[in-house]
N, C-alpha and C. Protein backbone atom coordinates (compact mmCIF):
# COMPACT_ATOMS: atom_id res chain seq x y z
N MET A 1 -52.93 120.37 24.36
CA MET A 1 -53.47 120.42 25.72
C MET A 1 -52.49 119.75 26.67
N SER A 2 -52.05 120.44 27.69
CA SER A 2 -51.22 119.83 28.71
C SER A 2 -52.09 119.10 29.71
N ILE A 3 -51.60 118.02 30.26
CA ILE A 3 -52.37 117.17 31.14
C ILE A 3 -51.73 117.21 32.53
N VAL A 4 -52.54 117.09 33.56
CA VAL A 4 -52.01 117.14 34.91
C VAL A 4 -52.36 115.88 35.67
N GLY A 5 -51.54 115.55 36.64
CA GLY A 5 -51.80 114.43 37.54
C GLY A 5 -51.35 114.85 38.92
N GLU A 6 -51.80 114.20 39.96
CA GLU A 6 -51.54 114.67 41.31
C GLU A 6 -50.08 114.49 41.70
N ASP A 7 -49.55 115.44 42.45
CA ASP A 7 -48.20 115.40 42.99
C ASP A 7 -48.32 115.21 44.49
N PRO A 8 -48.10 114.02 45.04
CA PRO A 8 -48.32 113.77 46.46
C PRO A 8 -47.36 114.55 47.34
N ARG A 9 -46.26 115.04 46.80
CA ARG A 9 -45.29 115.76 47.62
C ARG A 9 -45.74 117.17 47.94
N SER A 10 -46.47 117.79 47.05
CA SER A 10 -46.83 119.19 47.24
C SER A 10 -48.29 119.40 47.56
N GLY A 11 -49.14 118.36 47.41
CA GLY A 11 -50.57 118.54 47.60
C GLY A 11 -51.21 119.19 46.39
N GLY A 12 -50.38 119.52 45.38
CA GLY A 12 -50.92 120.09 44.16
C GLY A 12 -50.94 119.03 43.07
N LEU A 13 -50.65 119.44 41.83
CA LEU A 13 -50.66 118.47 40.74
C LEU A 13 -49.43 118.63 39.87
N LEU A 14 -49.03 117.55 39.28
CA LEU A 14 -47.84 117.54 38.43
C LEU A 14 -48.24 117.77 36.98
N LEU A 15 -47.56 118.68 36.33
CA LEU A 15 -47.82 118.98 34.92
C LEU A 15 -47.02 118.03 34.05
N PHE A 16 -47.71 117.19 33.28
CA PHE A 16 -47.03 116.17 32.51
C PHE A 16 -46.70 116.58 31.09
N GLY A 17 -47.39 117.57 30.53
CA GLY A 17 -47.07 118.02 29.18
C GLY A 17 -48.03 117.49 28.14
N GLN A 18 -47.67 116.44 27.44
CA GLN A 18 -48.48 115.97 26.33
C GLN A 18 -49.44 114.86 26.78
N PRO A 19 -50.59 114.72 26.10
CA PRO A 19 -51.58 113.72 26.50
C PRO A 19 -51.01 112.31 26.57
N GLN A 20 -50.10 111.96 25.66
CA GLN A 20 -49.60 110.59 25.65
C GLN A 20 -48.71 110.31 26.87
N MET A 21 -48.31 111.35 27.59
CA MET A 21 -47.47 111.17 28.76
C MET A 21 -48.30 111.12 30.04
N MET A 22 -49.62 111.17 29.91
CA MET A 22 -50.48 111.26 31.08
C MET A 22 -50.32 110.03 31.97
N SER A 23 -50.17 110.26 33.26
CA SER A 23 -50.22 109.20 34.24
C SER A 23 -50.81 109.77 35.52
N THR A 24 -51.06 108.92 36.48
CA THR A 24 -51.70 109.37 37.71
C THR A 24 -50.90 108.87 38.90
N THR A 25 -50.65 109.74 39.84
CA THR A 25 -50.06 109.34 41.10
C THR A 25 -51.06 109.60 42.20
N ARG A 26 -51.00 108.85 43.27
CA ARG A 26 -52.01 108.93 44.31
C ARG A 26 -51.67 110.03 45.29
N SER A 27 -52.65 110.88 45.62
CA SER A 27 -52.47 111.94 46.60
C SER A 27 -52.45 111.35 48.00
N GLU A 28 -51.53 111.80 48.82
CA GLU A 28 -51.48 111.34 50.19
C GLU A 28 -52.25 112.25 51.13
N SER A 29 -52.53 113.47 50.70
CA SER A 29 -53.15 114.43 51.61
C SER A 29 -54.62 114.14 51.82
N GLY A 30 -55.36 113.89 50.74
CA GLY A 30 -56.79 113.62 50.83
C GLY A 30 -57.56 114.78 51.41
N GLU A 31 -57.01 115.99 51.39
CA GLU A 31 -57.62 117.13 52.07
C GLU A 31 -59.02 117.43 51.56
N ALA A 32 -59.21 117.34 50.26
CA ALA A 32 -60.51 117.69 49.69
C ALA A 32 -61.37 116.46 49.43
N GLY A 33 -60.92 115.30 49.89
CA GLY A 33 -61.69 114.09 49.66
C GLY A 33 -61.76 113.70 48.20
N MET A 34 -60.74 114.09 47.42
CA MET A 34 -60.75 113.84 45.98
C MET A 34 -59.95 112.58 45.68
N ASN A 35 -60.61 111.46 45.36
CA ASN A 35 -59.86 110.27 45.01
C ASN A 35 -59.45 110.34 43.55
N ASP A 36 -58.63 109.40 43.13
CA ASP A 36 -58.05 109.47 41.79
C ASP A 36 -59.10 109.52 40.67
N PRO A 37 -60.14 108.69 40.68
CA PRO A 37 -61.14 108.77 39.60
C PRO A 37 -61.80 110.14 39.51
N GLU A 38 -62.00 110.80 40.63
CA GLU A 38 -62.62 112.12 40.61
C GLU A 38 -61.67 113.15 40.00
N ILE A 39 -60.39 113.09 40.38
CA ILE A 39 -59.40 113.99 39.79
C ILE A 39 -59.36 113.77 38.28
N GLN A 40 -59.37 112.53 37.86
CA GLN A 40 -59.34 112.23 36.43
C GLN A 40 -60.57 112.78 35.73
N LYS A 41 -61.71 112.71 36.39
CA LYS A 41 -62.93 113.23 35.78
C LYS A 41 -62.86 114.74 35.59
N VAL A 42 -62.35 115.45 36.59
CA VAL A 42 -62.20 116.91 36.48
C VAL A 42 -61.22 117.24 35.36
N ARG A 43 -60.10 116.55 35.38
CA ARG A 43 -59.07 116.79 34.37
C ARG A 43 -59.61 116.55 32.96
N ALA A 44 -60.32 115.43 32.79
CA ALA A 44 -60.84 115.08 31.47
C ALA A 44 -61.88 116.09 31.00
N ALA A 45 -62.74 116.54 31.91
CA ALA A 45 -63.77 117.49 31.53
C ALA A 45 -63.16 118.82 31.08
N LEU A 46 -62.19 119.31 31.82
CA LEU A 46 -61.56 120.58 31.45
C LEU A 46 -60.76 120.43 30.16
N ALA A 47 -60.15 119.26 29.97
CA ALA A 47 -59.35 119.04 28.76
C ALA A 47 -60.19 119.06 27.50
N GLU A 48 -61.49 118.82 27.63
CA GLU A 48 -62.38 118.83 26.47
C GLU A 48 -62.68 120.25 25.99
N PHE A 49 -62.34 121.25 26.80
CA PHE A 49 -62.56 122.64 26.38
C PHE A 49 -61.45 123.02 25.41
N ALA A 50 -61.81 123.22 24.16
CA ALA A 50 -60.83 123.25 23.07
C ALA A 50 -59.82 124.39 23.18
N ASP A 51 -60.17 125.49 23.82
CA ASP A 51 -59.30 126.66 23.78
C ASP A 51 -58.18 126.63 24.82
N LEU A 52 -58.13 125.61 25.68
CA LEU A 52 -57.12 125.57 26.73
C LEU A 52 -55.80 125.00 26.22
N ASP A 53 -54.70 125.57 26.69
CA ASP A 53 -53.37 125.04 26.40
C ASP A 53 -52.85 124.20 27.56
N ALA A 54 -53.21 124.56 28.80
CA ALA A 54 -52.70 123.85 29.97
C ALA A 54 -53.68 123.97 31.11
N VAL A 55 -53.68 122.96 31.98
CA VAL A 55 -54.53 122.94 33.16
C VAL A 55 -53.69 122.48 34.34
N LEU A 56 -53.85 123.15 35.47
CA LEU A 56 -53.21 122.73 36.71
C LEU A 56 -54.26 122.75 37.81
N LEU A 57 -54.40 121.65 38.55
CA LEU A 57 -55.37 121.57 39.64
C LEU A 57 -54.64 121.57 40.97
N THR A 58 -55.08 122.40 41.89
CA THR A 58 -54.49 122.46 43.23
C THR A 58 -55.60 122.52 44.26
N ARG A 59 -55.24 122.36 45.51
CA ARG A 59 -56.17 122.56 46.61
C ARG A 59 -55.78 123.82 47.36
N HIS A 60 -56.78 124.53 47.83
CA HIS A 60 -56.53 125.80 48.53
C HIS A 60 -57.56 125.93 49.64
N ALA A 61 -57.14 126.53 50.76
CA ALA A 61 -58.05 126.73 51.88
C ALA A 61 -57.82 128.10 52.49
N THR A 62 -58.85 128.65 53.10
CA THR A 62 -58.74 129.89 53.87
C THR A 62 -59.37 129.63 55.23
N THR A 63 -59.34 130.65 56.09
CA THR A 63 -59.96 130.49 57.40
C THR A 63 -61.47 130.34 57.29
N GLN A 64 -62.06 130.81 56.17
CA GLN A 64 -63.50 130.70 55.97
C GLN A 64 -63.90 129.48 55.15
N VAL A 65 -62.99 128.97 54.34
CA VAL A 65 -63.33 127.92 53.38
C VAL A 65 -62.43 126.71 53.61
N SER A 66 -63.03 125.53 53.70
CA SER A 66 -62.26 124.31 53.83
C SER A 66 -61.54 124.04 52.51
N PRO A 67 -60.52 123.14 52.50
CA PRO A 67 -59.77 122.90 51.27
C PRO A 67 -60.68 122.60 50.08
N CYS A 68 -60.45 123.31 48.99
CA CYS A 68 -61.30 123.14 47.81
C CYS A 68 -60.42 123.11 46.56
N LEU A 69 -60.98 122.58 45.51
CA LEU A 69 -60.24 122.42 44.27
C LEU A 69 -60.21 123.72 43.49
N ILE A 70 -59.01 124.11 43.05
CA ILE A 70 -58.80 125.30 42.23
C ILE A 70 -58.16 124.87 40.91
N ALA A 71 -58.66 125.40 39.81
CA ALA A 71 -58.07 125.12 38.50
C ALA A 71 -57.36 126.36 37.99
N TYR A 72 -56.10 126.18 37.60
CA TYR A 72 -55.35 127.22 36.90
C TYR A 72 -55.27 126.81 35.43
N VAL A 73 -55.63 127.72 34.56
CA VAL A 73 -55.66 127.38 33.14
C VAL A 73 -54.97 128.48 32.33
N SER A 74 -54.46 128.09 31.18
CA SER A 74 -53.91 129.06 30.23
C SER A 74 -54.40 128.67 28.83
N PRO A 75 -54.45 129.66 27.90
CA PRO A 75 -53.96 131.03 28.01
C PRO A 75 -54.92 131.95 28.74
N ALA A 76 -54.49 133.19 28.94
CA ALA A 76 -55.27 134.12 29.74
C ALA A 76 -56.45 134.73 28.98
N ASP A 77 -56.48 134.58 27.65
CA ASP A 77 -57.53 135.24 26.87
C ASP A 77 -58.69 134.30 26.50
N ILE A 78 -58.86 133.22 27.25
CA ILE A 78 -59.98 132.32 26.96
C ILE A 78 -61.29 132.97 27.38
N ASP A 79 -62.37 132.41 26.88
CA ASP A 79 -63.71 132.87 27.26
C ASP A 79 -64.06 132.22 28.60
N GLN A 80 -63.89 132.98 29.68
CA GLN A 80 -64.07 132.41 31.01
C GLN A 80 -65.51 131.98 31.26
N ALA A 81 -66.47 132.79 30.80
CA ALA A 81 -67.87 132.43 31.00
C ALA A 81 -68.19 131.11 30.33
N ALA A 82 -67.65 130.90 29.12
CA ALA A 82 -67.88 129.65 28.41
C ALA A 82 -67.22 128.48 29.13
N LEU A 83 -66.02 128.70 29.69
CA LEU A 83 -65.34 127.64 30.43
C LEU A 83 -66.10 127.28 31.70
N HIS A 84 -66.60 128.30 32.41
CA HIS A 84 -67.40 128.05 33.61
C HIS A 84 -68.64 127.21 33.27
N ALA A 85 -69.33 127.60 32.20
CA ALA A 85 -70.53 126.88 31.79
C ALA A 85 -70.18 125.45 31.39
N HIS A 86 -69.04 125.28 30.73
CA HIS A 86 -68.59 123.95 30.33
C HIS A 86 -68.36 123.06 31.55
N ALA A 87 -67.72 123.62 32.58
CA ALA A 87 -67.45 122.85 33.80
C ALA A 87 -68.75 122.46 34.49
N ARG A 88 -69.69 123.40 34.58
CA ARG A 88 -70.97 123.09 35.23
C ARG A 88 -71.76 122.04 34.46
N LYS A 89 -71.63 122.05 33.14
CA LYS A 89 -72.38 121.11 32.30
C LYS A 89 -71.81 119.70 32.38
N HIS A 90 -70.49 119.58 32.47
CA HIS A 90 -69.85 118.28 32.31
C HIS A 90 -69.38 117.65 33.62
N LEU A 91 -69.54 118.35 34.75
CA LEU A 91 -69.08 117.80 36.02
C LEU A 91 -70.20 117.82 37.06
N PRO A 92 -70.23 116.84 37.95
CA PRO A 92 -71.11 116.95 39.11
C PRO A 92 -70.76 118.20 39.90
N ARG A 93 -71.72 118.77 40.56
CA ARG A 93 -71.49 120.06 41.22
C ARG A 93 -70.33 120.03 42.21
N HIS A 94 -70.20 118.94 42.95
CA HIS A 94 -69.16 118.92 43.97
C HIS A 94 -67.76 118.81 43.36
N LEU A 95 -67.67 118.50 42.06
CA LEU A 95 -66.37 118.42 41.39
C LEU A 95 -66.02 119.67 40.60
N VAL A 96 -66.96 120.58 40.43
CA VAL A 96 -66.64 121.83 39.73
C VAL A 96 -65.66 122.63 40.60
N PRO A 97 -64.52 123.07 40.05
CA PRO A 97 -63.58 123.83 40.86
C PRO A 97 -64.24 125.05 41.50
N ALA A 98 -63.85 125.35 42.73
CA ALA A 98 -64.40 126.52 43.41
C ALA A 98 -64.00 127.81 42.70
N ALA A 99 -62.85 127.79 42.05
CA ALA A 99 -62.39 128.94 41.27
C ALA A 99 -61.58 128.43 40.09
N ILE A 100 -61.67 129.14 38.97
CA ILE A 100 -60.84 128.87 37.80
C ILE A 100 -60.04 130.14 37.52
N VAL A 101 -58.74 130.04 37.69
CA VAL A 101 -57.85 131.20 37.55
C VAL A 101 -57.14 131.12 36.21
N VAL A 102 -57.25 132.16 35.41
CA VAL A 102 -56.59 132.16 34.11
C VAL A 102 -55.22 132.83 34.23
N THR A 103 -54.26 132.30 33.52
CA THR A 103 -52.89 132.82 33.56
C THR A 103 -52.25 132.62 32.19
N ASP A 104 -51.26 133.44 31.87
CA ASP A 104 -50.61 133.34 30.57
C ASP A 104 -49.98 131.96 30.38
N THR A 105 -49.27 131.49 31.39
CA THR A 105 -48.64 130.17 31.36
C THR A 105 -48.69 129.58 32.76
N ILE A 106 -48.54 128.26 32.85
CA ILE A 106 -48.41 127.60 34.14
C ILE A 106 -46.92 127.61 34.51
N PRO A 107 -46.53 128.32 35.57
CA PRO A 107 -45.10 128.39 35.90
C PRO A 107 -44.57 127.04 36.35
N ALA A 108 -43.31 126.76 36.03
CA ALA A 108 -42.69 125.49 36.38
C ALA A 108 -41.32 125.74 37.00
N THR A 109 -40.90 124.83 37.86
CA THR A 109 -39.57 124.89 38.45
C THR A 109 -38.55 124.30 37.48
N ALA A 110 -37.27 124.40 37.86
CA ALA A 110 -36.23 123.83 37.01
C ALA A 110 -36.38 122.32 36.88
N ALA A 111 -37.02 121.70 37.87
CA ALA A 111 -37.23 120.24 37.83
C ALA A 111 -38.45 119.86 37.00
N GLY A 112 -39.17 120.86 36.47
CA GLY A 112 -40.33 120.57 35.65
C GLY A 112 -41.62 120.41 36.41
N LEU A 113 -41.59 120.69 37.72
CA LEU A 113 -42.80 120.62 38.53
C LEU A 113 -43.49 121.98 38.54
N PRO A 114 -44.79 122.00 38.78
CA PRO A 114 -45.48 123.29 38.86
C PRO A 114 -44.90 124.12 40.00
N ASP A 115 -44.64 125.38 39.71
CA ASP A 115 -44.14 126.30 40.74
C ASP A 115 -45.34 126.94 41.41
N THR A 116 -45.89 126.25 42.41
CA THR A 116 -47.12 126.73 43.04
C THR A 116 -46.92 128.06 43.76
N GLN A 117 -45.68 128.35 44.16
CA GLN A 117 -45.42 129.63 44.83
C GLN A 117 -45.54 130.81 43.87
N ALA A 118 -45.41 130.54 42.58
CA ALA A 118 -45.49 131.61 41.59
C ALA A 118 -46.90 131.81 41.06
N LEU A 119 -47.84 130.97 41.48
CA LEU A 119 -49.21 131.10 41.01
C LEU A 119 -49.94 132.22 41.73
N PRO A 120 -50.81 132.95 41.05
CA PRO A 120 -51.62 133.96 41.74
C PRO A 120 -52.60 133.29 42.68
N LEU A 121 -52.88 133.93 43.82
CA LEU A 121 -53.84 133.39 44.76
C LEU A 121 -55.25 133.50 44.20
N PRO A 122 -56.07 132.49 44.37
CA PRO A 122 -57.46 132.59 43.91
C PRO A 122 -58.25 133.52 44.81
N ASP A 123 -59.23 134.18 44.24
CA ASP A 123 -60.12 135.04 45.02
C ASP A 123 -61.28 134.19 45.53
N LEU A 124 -61.25 133.84 46.81
CA LEU A 124 -62.31 133.04 47.42
C LEU A 124 -63.16 133.87 48.35
N SER A 125 -63.08 135.19 48.24
CA SER A 125 -63.87 136.06 49.10
C SER A 125 -65.36 135.82 48.85
N GLY A 126 -66.11 135.74 49.92
CA GLY A 126 -67.55 135.54 49.81
C GLY A 126 -67.97 134.09 49.78
N LEU A 127 -66.99 133.18 49.58
CA LEU A 127 -67.34 131.76 49.54
C LEU A 127 -67.48 131.20 50.94
N ALA A 128 -68.49 130.36 51.13
CA ALA A 128 -68.60 129.55 52.33
C ALA A 128 -68.18 128.13 51.96
N SER A 129 -67.97 127.29 52.97
CA SER A 129 -67.70 125.89 52.66
C SER A 129 -68.86 125.35 51.82
N TYR A 130 -68.53 124.63 50.75
CA TYR A 130 -69.52 124.31 49.73
C TYR A 130 -70.64 123.42 50.25
N GLU A 131 -71.87 123.87 49.98
CA GLU A 131 -73.07 123.08 50.24
C GLU A 131 -73.85 123.00 48.93
N ALA A 132 -74.06 121.79 48.45
CA ALA A 132 -74.72 121.59 47.16
C ALA A 132 -76.22 121.85 47.26
N PRO A 133 -76.85 122.24 46.15
CA PRO A 133 -78.31 122.42 46.14
C PRO A 133 -79.02 121.10 46.43
N GLU A 134 -80.17 121.21 47.09
CA GLU A 134 -80.92 120.02 47.50
C GLU A 134 -82.22 119.85 46.72
N THR A 135 -82.65 120.89 46.02
CA THR A 135 -83.90 120.83 45.27
C THR A 135 -83.66 121.35 43.86
N THR A 136 -84.63 121.11 42.99
CA THR A 136 -84.51 121.60 41.61
C THR A 136 -84.42 123.12 41.59
N ARG A 137 -85.23 123.81 42.40
CA ARG A 137 -85.19 125.27 42.39
C ARG A 137 -83.85 125.78 42.91
N GLN A 138 -83.31 125.18 43.95
CA GLN A 138 -82.00 125.59 44.42
C GLN A 138 -80.94 125.36 43.34
N ASP A 139 -81.08 124.28 42.60
CA ASP A 139 -80.16 123.98 41.51
C ASP A 139 -80.19 125.09 40.46
N ILE A 140 -81.39 125.52 40.09
CA ILE A 140 -81.54 126.59 39.10
C ILE A 140 -80.97 127.90 39.65
N LEU A 141 -81.26 128.20 40.90
CA LEU A 141 -80.76 129.44 41.50
C LEU A 141 -79.24 129.45 41.58
N CYS A 142 -78.63 128.31 41.91
CA CYS A 142 -77.17 128.24 41.95
C CYS A 142 -76.58 128.53 40.57
N ASP A 143 -77.20 127.98 39.54
CA ASP A 143 -76.73 128.24 38.18
C ASP A 143 -76.88 129.72 37.81
N LEU A 144 -77.98 130.33 38.20
CA LEU A 144 -78.19 131.75 37.90
C LEU A 144 -77.17 132.61 38.63
N PHE A 145 -76.93 132.32 39.91
CA PHE A 145 -75.92 133.06 40.67
C PHE A 145 -74.57 132.96 39.97
N ALA A 146 -74.17 131.73 39.62
CA ALA A 146 -72.86 131.52 39.02
C ALA A 146 -72.73 132.21 37.67
N GLU A 147 -73.77 132.12 36.85
CA GLU A 147 -73.72 132.74 35.53
C GLU A 147 -73.61 134.25 35.61
N ILE A 148 -74.41 134.86 36.47
CA ILE A 148 -74.41 136.31 36.57
C ILE A 148 -73.14 136.84 37.24
N LEU A 149 -72.63 136.08 38.21
CA LEU A 149 -71.42 136.52 38.92
C LEU A 149 -70.14 136.10 38.22
N ARG A 150 -70.29 135.33 37.12
CA ARG A 150 -69.14 134.90 36.33
C ARG A 150 -68.13 134.10 37.16
N VAL A 151 -68.66 133.11 37.90
CA VAL A 151 -67.83 132.20 38.68
C VAL A 151 -68.20 130.77 38.29
N PRO A 152 -67.30 129.81 38.54
CA PRO A 152 -67.60 128.44 38.10
C PRO A 152 -68.75 127.79 38.86
N ARG A 153 -68.83 128.06 40.18
CA ARG A 153 -69.76 127.32 41.01
C ARG A 153 -70.21 128.18 42.18
N VAL A 154 -71.47 128.02 42.58
CA VAL A 154 -72.00 128.69 43.76
C VAL A 154 -72.74 127.66 44.60
N GLY A 155 -72.46 127.65 45.89
CA GLY A 155 -73.18 126.79 46.82
C GLY A 155 -74.37 127.53 47.41
N ILE A 156 -75.23 126.81 48.12
CA ILE A 156 -76.46 127.43 48.59
C ILE A 156 -76.23 128.42 49.73
N ASP A 157 -75.03 128.40 50.34
CA ASP A 157 -74.75 129.34 51.42
C ASP A 157 -73.79 130.46 51.02
N ASP A 158 -73.40 130.50 49.74
CA ASP A 158 -72.52 131.58 49.27
C ASP A 158 -73.33 132.85 49.08
N ASP A 159 -72.74 133.96 49.50
CA ASP A 159 -73.44 135.24 49.49
C ASP A 159 -73.27 135.94 48.14
N PHE A 160 -74.39 136.32 47.54
CA PHE A 160 -74.38 136.95 46.22
C PHE A 160 -73.52 138.21 46.20
N PHE A 161 -73.67 139.05 47.19
CA PHE A 161 -72.92 140.31 47.21
C PHE A 161 -71.50 140.09 47.73
N GLY A 162 -71.32 139.10 48.61
CA GLY A 162 -69.98 138.77 49.05
C GLY A 162 -69.11 138.25 47.93
N LEU A 163 -69.74 137.64 46.91
CA LEU A 163 -69.02 137.14 45.75
C LEU A 163 -68.79 138.21 44.70
N GLY A 164 -69.16 139.44 45.01
CA GLY A 164 -68.90 140.54 44.09
C GLY A 164 -70.11 141.07 43.37
N GLY A 165 -71.30 140.57 43.70
CA GLY A 165 -72.51 141.06 43.06
C GLY A 165 -72.77 142.53 43.34
N ARG A 166 -73.23 143.24 42.33
CA ARG A 166 -73.57 144.66 42.47
C ARG A 166 -75.06 144.84 42.22
N SER A 167 -75.52 146.06 42.39
CA SER A 167 -76.95 146.33 42.20
C SER A 167 -77.41 145.94 40.80
N VAL A 168 -76.59 146.23 39.79
CA VAL A 168 -76.97 145.89 38.42
C VAL A 168 -77.04 144.37 38.26
N ASP A 169 -76.17 143.64 38.96
CA ASP A 169 -76.23 142.18 38.91
C ASP A 169 -77.49 141.67 39.58
N ALA A 170 -77.87 142.32 40.69
CA ALA A 170 -79.10 141.93 41.39
C ALA A 170 -80.32 142.14 40.50
N MET A 171 -80.31 143.22 39.71
CA MET A 171 -81.40 143.47 38.77
C MET A 171 -81.47 142.36 37.72
N MET A 172 -80.30 141.95 37.24
CA MET A 172 -80.26 140.86 36.26
C MET A 172 -80.77 139.57 36.88
N LEU A 173 -80.39 139.32 38.14
CA LEU A 173 -80.83 138.11 38.82
C LEU A 173 -82.34 138.09 39.00
N ALA A 174 -82.91 139.22 39.41
CA ALA A 174 -84.36 139.30 39.59
C ALA A 174 -85.07 139.04 38.26
N ALA A 175 -84.52 139.58 37.18
CA ALA A 175 -85.13 139.38 35.86
C ALA A 175 -85.04 137.92 35.43
N ARG A 176 -83.90 137.27 35.70
CA ARG A 176 -83.74 135.87 35.32
C ARG A 176 -84.62 134.96 36.16
N ILE A 177 -84.80 135.28 37.44
CA ILE A 177 -85.70 134.49 38.28
C ILE A 177 -87.12 134.58 37.74
N SER A 178 -87.52 135.77 37.32
CA SER A 178 -88.84 135.95 36.74
C SER A 178 -88.99 135.14 35.46
N THR A 179 -87.95 135.15 34.61
CA THR A 179 -88.00 134.44 33.33
C THR A 179 -87.91 132.93 33.50
N ASP A 180 -86.95 132.48 34.32
CA ASP A 180 -86.66 131.05 34.41
C ASP A 180 -87.57 130.31 35.39
N LEU A 181 -88.03 131.01 36.43
CA LEU A 181 -88.85 130.36 37.44
C LEU A 181 -90.29 130.87 37.47
N GLY A 182 -90.56 131.94 36.72
CA GLY A 182 -91.90 132.49 36.70
C GLY A 182 -92.32 133.12 38.01
N ILE A 183 -91.33 133.64 38.77
CA ILE A 183 -91.61 134.23 40.08
C ILE A 183 -91.04 135.64 40.10
N ARG A 184 -91.88 136.59 40.45
CA ARG A 184 -91.42 137.97 40.58
C ARG A 184 -90.85 138.18 41.97
N ILE A 185 -89.69 138.83 42.05
CA ILE A 185 -89.06 139.09 43.34
C ILE A 185 -88.62 140.54 43.40
N ARG A 186 -88.76 141.15 44.55
CA ARG A 186 -88.39 142.55 44.72
C ARG A 186 -86.89 142.68 44.95
N MET A 187 -86.32 143.79 44.49
CA MET A 187 -84.90 144.02 44.70
C MET A 187 -84.56 144.03 46.18
N VAL A 188 -85.45 144.62 47.00
CA VAL A 188 -85.16 144.69 48.43
C VAL A 188 -85.02 143.30 49.04
N ASP A 189 -85.75 142.32 48.48
CA ASP A 189 -85.64 140.96 48.98
C ASP A 189 -84.25 140.38 48.74
N LEU A 190 -83.66 140.70 47.60
CA LEU A 190 -82.33 140.20 47.29
C LEU A 190 -81.28 140.78 48.22
N PHE A 191 -81.49 142.00 48.66
CA PHE A 191 -80.54 142.59 49.61
C PHE A 191 -80.70 142.01 51.01
N GLU A 192 -81.90 141.53 51.32
CA GLU A 192 -82.15 140.96 52.65
C GLU A 192 -81.75 139.49 52.73
N VAL A 193 -81.97 138.74 51.67
CA VAL A 193 -81.60 137.32 51.64
C VAL A 193 -80.77 137.06 50.39
N SER A 194 -79.48 137.09 50.54
CA SER A 194 -78.60 137.09 49.37
C SER A 194 -77.87 135.77 49.17
N THR A 195 -78.41 134.68 49.75
CA THR A 195 -77.89 133.34 49.46
C THR A 195 -78.99 132.52 48.79
N VAL A 196 -78.61 131.47 48.13
CA VAL A 196 -79.60 130.59 47.48
C VAL A 196 -80.50 129.97 48.53
N ARG A 197 -79.94 129.55 49.66
CA ARG A 197 -80.75 128.94 50.70
C ARG A 197 -81.81 129.92 51.21
N GLY A 198 -81.37 131.15 51.51
CA GLY A 198 -82.30 132.15 52.01
C GLY A 198 -83.34 132.55 50.98
N LEU A 199 -82.90 132.70 49.74
CA LEU A 199 -83.82 133.10 48.68
C LEU A 199 -84.85 132.00 48.41
N ASP A 200 -84.42 130.76 48.43
CA ASP A 200 -85.33 129.64 48.23
C ASP A 200 -86.38 129.60 49.35
N GLN A 201 -85.95 129.83 50.57
CA GLN A 201 -86.88 129.85 51.69
C GLN A 201 -87.89 130.99 51.54
N LEU A 202 -87.40 132.15 51.11
CA LEU A 202 -88.30 133.29 50.90
C LEU A 202 -89.34 132.96 49.83
N LEU A 203 -88.92 132.31 48.76
CA LEU A 203 -89.84 131.95 47.69
C LEU A 203 -90.86 130.92 48.18
N GLN A 204 -90.42 129.99 49.00
CA GLN A 204 -91.35 129.02 49.56
C GLN A 204 -92.43 129.71 50.43
N GLU A 205 -91.99 130.65 51.25
CA GLU A 205 -92.95 131.37 52.11
C GLU A 205 -93.90 132.20 51.28
N SER A 206 -93.39 132.82 50.20
CA SER A 206 -94.25 133.61 49.33
C SER A 206 -95.31 132.74 48.66
N GLU A 207 -94.90 131.54 48.22
CA GLU A 207 -95.84 130.63 47.59
C GLU A 207 -96.90 130.15 48.57
N ALA A 208 -96.49 129.93 49.83
CA ALA A 208 -97.44 129.45 50.84
C ALA A 208 -98.51 130.50 51.14
N ARG A 209 -98.14 131.78 51.03
CA ARG A 209 -99.10 132.86 51.32
C ARG A 209 -100.05 133.10 50.15
N SER A 210 -99.65 132.74 48.95
CA SER A 210 -100.47 133.04 47.76
C SER A 210 -101.51 131.95 47.50
């Protein structure tokens, strides 16, 4: 397992190689509000996933999404669903990477630093700036969204269909809501309110009427 530590010069992380060489340098950017203990927690949690050969953590932002943590991992043939579930199980929600990108290898420069320019861009389409669940039901719904959409993490304002959900995924979601929450929901409702926040509000209104 290769270990990573922050590289204050690039805003990304430095690939150190072997576990015994692990060290930590302090990030100067602070863009994602990630202090050193939090970076170490993310790194340690991902390192516990046995099938990984290397991990690289970077920050990435778009016009729609504030700077967020992205994990690049190798090899490319890992079980991504299992890795996503592992991250959700072992990390607080705000520390789960917004995206986990699999790659054959982590590219490096001649100086041995990660070649961030050679990394594939993460797909952050459909993501809003992260808002954590506030209730137990929102927590369950976020997990269901993430599991069905095969992404590491979903916030309460992320759009199910914007994240790539299809009609068949919506059917699976409705079935899981019925099984896990004991609430029947119509498919048309999922097309009208396709975020966890909106769906939770709809369920609250439905319960108030019954």
